[in-house]
Amino acid sequence: MKDLYKLDLRVLTVREMSAPRRVTWMHIVTFAFATAISYVLGVVSSLIFPVLGAPGVSALYVAAAIYVPLGVWMGAWGALAGYVSCFFLGLYPSGYSVIQSLIWSWADFIEAIVPAAIFRLAKVDPDFTAKRPWAAKLLPLFISMGTALLFIGIVVQVLWGAKYGEPFVTFYVYSVYIGTALALIGIVLGLIAGHAKTWIAHILGIIGASVLSGLWGAGSLTYFNLPPPLPAELFWPVFVGWVLGDLVVLSVIATALLVALTPVFKRTGLYVKGWWA
């Protein structure tokens, strides 16, 4: 009887593992919440840290730190959150037409889908923990310090730098530099003492997402659209500002969220192994 009971449990476990995963209301609610936050952060970022001459483009687009990690956790849901939030950002406050917004919003879709695709196509399980005790302490310390310093710099710039100028602007600039450097040290520690495949996929995702989204975003605003809302000579300023800002945001804030919240998403059942479920 005991053997039959164990066999039944094994059969049940196999059936549960092979059962198709379904989209739940939790996926939809999380997607809607992330989209709303991304839109608000996108508006604030584009107004406070604008790339001159390009409405809706920010030199520090904090919204990317929401939908890009969501793409790693929830696949196409993160990409869809990026697209929808960018579409509404294109309408207001950027002032682009509906067609122009529909086209340029693919930039944020691309930005989220690239890291999601890297993890899924390479079959890499996102595990941002460190294997060695010393790294387990230092890795989150460097990443959290970098994120905290970046946020302090943003607050200083918003409250005082934009209005009074120096020395607050200089403090903001150095906080971005130092915060990014600390986060990069954390990423290197993860690469050395953590799960190498996870961190390699993350690094490739950061670079690929920033460059490809920048190409589409800057190109759709200056070269191809119906019609392009900006002159062609603004391509390079928009592209450089876009890519550099996203590299900072994804290296610092997105990395901190992935390290802190990936176990939470896996425990709560929100983690999507495929694209939708």
Protein backbone atom coordinates (compact mmCIF):
# COMPACT_ATOMS: atom_id res chain seq x y z
CA MET A 1 0.00 0.00 0.00
CA LYS A 2 2.82 2.37 0.84
CA ASP A 3 4.46 1.67 -2.51
CA LEU A 4 1.17 2.34 -4.31
CA TYR A 5 0.74 5.60 -2.36
CA LYS A 6 4.25 6.72 -3.31
CA LEU A 7 3.56 5.79 -6.94
CA ASP A 8 0.34 7.84 -6.92
CA LEU A 9 2.24 10.83 -5.54
CA ARG A 10 4.85 10.50 -8.26
CA VAL A 11 2.19 10.30 -10.96
CA LEU A 12 0.43 13.33 -9.51
CA THR A 13 3.70 15.28 -9.41
CA VAL A 14 4.45 14.44 -13.04
CA ARG A 15 0.95 15.49 -14.08
CA GLU A 16 1.25 18.78 -12.18
CA MET A 17 4.60 19.50 -13.80
CA SER A 18 3.31 18.71 -17.29
CA ALA A 19 0.01 20.56 -16.87
CA PRO A 20 -0.18 23.68 -19.06
CA ARG A 21 0.30 26.95 -17.20
CA ARG A 22 -2.51 29.44 -17.62
CA VAL A 23 -2.84 33.19 -17.58
CA THR A 24 -4.37 34.31 -14.29
CA TRP A 25 -5.87 37.52 -12.99
CA MET A 26 -2.59 38.08 -11.07
CA HIS A 27 -0.73 38.37 -14.38
CA ILE A 28 -3.24 40.89 -15.69
CA VAL A 29 -3.30 42.97 -12.51
CA THR A 30 0.51 43.01 -12.29
CA PHE A 31 0.73 44.04 -15.94
CA ALA A 32 -1.79 46.88 -15.45
CA PHE A 33 -0.03 48.09 -12.30
CA ALA A 34 3.40 48.02 -13.96
CA THR A 35 2.03 49.86 -17.00
CA ALA A 36 0.58 52.64 -14.85
CA ILE A 37 3.82 53.04 -12.85
CA SER A 38 5.89 53.00 -16.04
CA TYR A 39 3.76 55.73 -17.58
CA VAL A 40 4.01 57.98 -14.51
CA LEU A 41 7.78 57.46 -14.24
CA GLY A 42 8.12 58.02 -18.00
CA VAL A 43 6.31 61.35 -17.78
CA VAL A 44 8.38 62.49 -14.80
CA SER A 45 11.65 61.34 -16.38
CA SER A 46 10.98 63.01 -19.72
CA LEU A 47 10.04 66.29 -18.05
CA ILE A 48 12.87 66.43 -15.52
CA PHE A 49 15.70 64.81 -17.50
CA PRO A 50 14.84 65.62 -21.14
CA VAL A 51 17.06 65.02 -24.13
CA LEU A 52 16.92 68.45 -25.73
CA GLY A 53 14.76 68.64 -28.82
CA ALA A 54 13.11 65.25 -28.34
CA PRO A 55 9.83 65.27 -26.38
CA GLY A 56 9.31 62.06 -24.43
CA VAL A 57 12.99 61.07 -24.52
CA SER A 58 14.84 61.14 -21.22
CA ALA A 59 18.53 61.04 -20.39
CA LEU A 60 17.55 58.99 -17.31
CA TYR A 61 14.41 57.03 -18.21
CA VAL A 62 13.55 55.47 -14.85
CA ALA A 63 10.44 53.76 -16.29
CA ALA A 64 12.71 51.23 -18.03
CA ALA A 65 13.61 49.84 -14.60
CA ILE A 66 10.00 48.66 -14.25
CA TYR A 67 9.06 46.97 -17.51
CA VAL A 68 12.48 45.50 -18.34
CA PRO A 69 12.72 43.40 -15.14
CA LEU A 70 9.04 42.55 -15.64
CA GLY A 71 10.02 41.12 -19.02
CA VAL A 72 12.58 38.86 -17.34
CA TRP A 73 10.00 37.74 -14.78
CA MET A 74 6.85 37.65 -16.92
CA GLY A 75 7.95 37.51 -20.55
CA ALA A 76 5.71 39.32 -23.02
CA TRP A 77 3.75 41.00 -20.21
CA GLY A 78 6.75 43.25 -19.53
CA ALA A 79 7.16 44.10 -23.20
CA LEU A 80 3.46 44.92 -23.46
CA ALA A 81 3.69 47.16 -20.38
CA GLY A 82 6.58 49.01 -22.00
CA TYR A 83 4.68 49.45 -25.26
CA VAL A 84 1.41 50.66 -23.74
CA SER A 85 3.08 53.08 -21.30
CA CYS A 86 5.26 54.50 -24.09
CA PHE A 87 2.24 54.89 -26.37
CA PHE A 88 0.45 57.09 -23.83
CA LEU A 89 3.70 58.97 -23.14
CA GLY A 90 3.86 59.73 -26.87
CA LEU A 91 0.38 61.22 -26.75
CA TYR A 92 0.90 63.18 -23.53
CA PRO A 93 3.00 65.08 -22.72
CA SER A 94 5.11 64.45 -25.84
CA GLY A 95 2.42 65.63 -28.24
CA TYR A 96 2.95 63.06 -31.00
CA SER A 97 0.08 61.86 -33.16
CA VAL A 98 -1.60 58.50 -32.57
CA ILE A 99 0.17 56.94 -35.56
CA GLN A 100 3.55 58.37 -34.55
CA SER A 101 3.08 57.05 -31.00
CA LEU A 102 2.02 53.62 -32.24
CA ILE A 103 5.27 53.38 -34.21
CA TRP A 104 7.81 54.78 -31.76
CA SER A 105 6.35 52.82 -28.81
CA TRP A 106 7.88 49.65 -30.24
CA ALA A 107 11.15 50.97 -28.82
CA ASP A 108 10.06 50.17 -25.26
CA PHE A 109 8.58 46.85 -26.40
CA ILE A 110 11.99 45.98 -27.85
CA GLU A 111 13.74 47.13 -24.68
CA ALA A 112 11.79 44.64 -22.55
CA ILE A 113 11.57 41.77 -25.03
CA VAL A 114 15.34 41.56 -25.65
CA PRO A 115 16.36 40.53 -22.09
CA ALA A 116 13.26 38.33 -21.83
CA ALA A 117 14.23 36.57 -25.06
CA ILE A 118 17.84 36.10 -23.99
CA PHE A 119 16.83 34.35 -20.78
CA ARG A 120 14.18 32.19 -22.46
CA LEU A 121 15.92 31.26 -25.68
CA ALA A 122 19.16 30.45 -23.85
CA LYS A 123 17.10 28.57 -21.21
CA VAL A 124 18.70 30.49 -18.36
CA ASP A 125 16.95 30.46 -15.01
CA PRO A 126 17.28 33.96 -13.50
CA ASP A 127 19.09 33.32 -10.23
CA PHE A 128 20.83 36.45 -8.98
CA THR A 129 22.03 34.96 -5.69
CA ALA A 130 25.72 34.58 -4.89
CA LYS A 131 27.23 31.15 -4.27
CA ARG A 132 29.99 32.31 -1.91
CA PRO A 133 29.26 33.77 1.56
CA TRP A 134 31.47 36.83 1.17
CA ALA A 135 29.88 37.69 -2.17
CA ALA A 136 26.40 37.12 -0.76
CA LYS A 137 27.07 40.05 1.58
CA LEU A 138 29.01 42.35 -0.75
CA LEU A 139 26.90 41.95 -3.92
CA PRO A 140 23.62 43.36 -2.55
CA LEU A 141 25.58 45.96 -0.59
CA PHE A 142 27.23 47.47 -3.67
CA ILE A 143 24.06 47.30 -5.77
CA SER A 144 21.86 48.82 -3.05
CA MET A 145 24.40 51.55 -2.32
CA GLY A 146 24.59 52.41 -6.01
CA THR A 147 20.81 52.56 -6.29
CA ALA A 148 20.45 54.65 -3.12
CA LEU A 149 23.08 57.12 -4.31
CA LEU A 150 21.43 57.42 -7.71
CA PHE A 151 18.04 58.10 -6.11
CA ILE A 152 19.56 60.71 -3.78
CA GLY A 153 21.12 62.44 -6.76
CA ILE A 154 17.79 62.43 -8.62
CA VAL A 155 16.00 63.93 -5.62
CA VAL A 156 18.65 66.62 -5.24
CA GLN A 157 18.41 67.50 -8.93
CA VAL A 158 14.61 67.61 -8.85
CA LEU A 159 14.32 69.69 -5.67
CA TRP A 160 17.29 72.04 -5.98
CA GLY A 161 19.44 71.40 -9.06
CA ALA A 162 16.82 72.32 -11.65
CA LYS A 163 16.04 75.56 -9.84
CA TYR A 164 19.28 76.74 -8.26
CA GLY A 165 21.96 75.10 -10.41
CA GLU A 166 25.35 74.62 -8.79
CA PRO A 167 26.52 72.94 -6.62
CA PHE A 168 23.45 70.70 -6.76
CA VAL A 169 23.85 69.82 -10.43
CA THR A 170 27.44 68.70 -9.84
CA PHE A 171 26.31 66.58 -6.91
CA TYR A 172 23.69 64.97 -9.13
CA VAL A 173 26.19 64.24 -11.90
CA TYR A 174 28.69 62.64 -9.52
CA SER A 175 25.96 60.64 -7.81
CA VAL A 176 25.08 59.15 -11.20
CA TYR A 177 28.72 58.32 -11.92
CA ILE A 178 29.50 56.85 -8.51
CA GLY A 179 26.16 55.07 -8.17
CA THR A 180 26.65 53.42 -11.56
CA ALA A 181 30.23 52.43 -10.67
CA LEU A 182 29.07 50.79 -7.42
CA ALA A 183 26.34 48.89 -9.25
CA LEU A 184 28.83 47.72 -11.87
CA ILE A 185 31.08 46.39 -9.11
CA GLY A 186 28.08 44.45 -7.83
CA ILE A 187 27.43 43.04 -11.30
CA VAL A 188 31.08 41.94 -11.59
CA LEU A 189 30.84 40.27 -8.17
CA GLY A 190 27.75 38.43 -9.37
CA LEU A 191 29.57 37.32 -12.50
CA ILE A 192 32.53 36.05 -10.46
CA ALA A 193 30.80 34.53 -7.43
CA GLY A 194 27.24 33.97 -8.60
CA HIS A 195 25.51 32.04 -11.34
CA ALA A 196 27.58 33.06 -14.35
CA LYS A 197 24.90 32.23 -16.94
CA THR A 198 22.39 34.48 -15.18
CA TRP A 199 24.74 37.43 -15.01
CA ILE A 200 26.00 37.00 -18.58
CA ALA A 201 22.41 36.95 -19.81
CA HIS A 202 21.68 40.04 -17.70
CA ILE A 203 24.69 41.96 -19.06
CA LEU A 204 23.84 41.05 -22.66
CA GLY A 205 20.25 42.04 -21.95
CA ILE A 206 21.25 45.46 -20.63
CA ILE A 207 23.43 46.24 -23.64
CA GLY A 208 21.09 44.77 -26.25
CA ALA A 209 17.99 46.41 -24.79
CA SER A 210 19.62 49.85 -24.60
CA VAL A 211 21.16 49.84 -28.08
CA LEU A 212 18.27 48.25 -30.00
CA SER A 213 15.58 50.32 -28.31
CA GLY A 214 17.68 53.43 -28.91
CA LEU A 215 18.02 52.61 -32.61
CA TRP A 216 14.28 52.14 -33.02
CA GLY A 217 13.34 55.06 -30.81
CA ALA A 218 15.72 57.59 -32.35
CA GLY A 219 15.11 56.27 -35.86
CA SER A 220 11.33 56.40 -35.59
CA LEU A 221 11.49 59.98 -34.31
CA THR A 222 13.90 61.28 -36.95
CA TYR A 223 14.01 59.03 -40.04
CA PHE A 224 10.94 56.83 -40.42
CA ASN A 225 7.43 57.49 -39.17
CA LEU A 226 4.22 58.91 -40.63
CA PRO A 227 5.78 61.51 -40.73
CA PRO A 228 8.90 61.67 -38.48
CA PRO A 229 8.11 64.23 -35.77
CA LEU A 230 11.72 65.42 -35.45
CA PRO A 231 14.37 66.53 -37.96
CA ALA A 232 16.86 63.90 -39.16
CA GLU A 233 19.88 65.73 -37.73
CA LEU A 234 18.65 64.99 -34.20
CA PHE A 235 19.17 61.23 -34.62
CA TRP A 236 22.57 61.07 -32.97
CA PRO A 237 21.81 63.34 -29.96
CA VAL A 238 18.60 61.38 -29.32
CA PHE A 239 20.28 57.99 -29.83
CA VAL A 240 23.27 58.74 -27.57
CA GLY A 241 21.14 60.26 -24.82
CA TRP A 242 18.68 57.38 -25.03
CA VAL A 243 21.30 54.61 -24.87
CA LEU A 244 23.48 56.13 -22.14
CA GLY A 245 20.50 56.88 -19.93
CA ASP A 246 19.08 53.38 -20.33
CA LEU A 247 22.45 51.78 -19.63
CA VAL A 248 22.59 53.63 -16.30
CA VAL A 249 19.00 52.86 -15.30
CA LEU A 250 19.19 49.19 -16.23
CA SER A 251 22.62 48.67 -14.67
CA VAL A 252 21.65 50.29 -11.38
CA ILE A 253 17.92 50.28 -10.62
CA ALA A 254 16.82 47.31 -12.75
CA THR A 255 19.67 45.19 -11.38
CA ALA A 256 18.68 46.06 -7.81
CA LEU A 257 15.06 45.07 -8.48
CA LEU A 258 16.07 41.79 -10.13
CA VAL A 259 18.33 40.86 -7.22
CA ALA A 260 15.72 41.75 -4.61
CA LEU A 261 12.44 40.66 -6.23
CA THR A 262 13.22 37.65 -8.42
CA PRO A 263 12.76 35.22 -5.49
CA VAL A 264 9.47 36.96 -4.64
CA PHE A 265 8.09 36.51 -8.16
CA LYS A 266 9.07 32.85 -8.15
CA ARG A 267 7.46 32.20 -4.75
CA THR A 268 4.19 33.95 -5.57
CA GLY A 269 3.64 32.12 -8.84
CA LEU A 270 3.90 35.29 -10.92
CA TYR A 271 7.04 34.08 -12.66
CA VAL A 272 6.31 33.15 -16.29
CA LYS A 273 8.52 30.46 -17.81
CA GLY A 274 7.13 30.98 -21.29
CA TRP A 275 5.90 34.20 -22.84
CA TRP A 276 2.45 34.59 -21.26
CA ALA A 277 2.15 31.89 -18.61
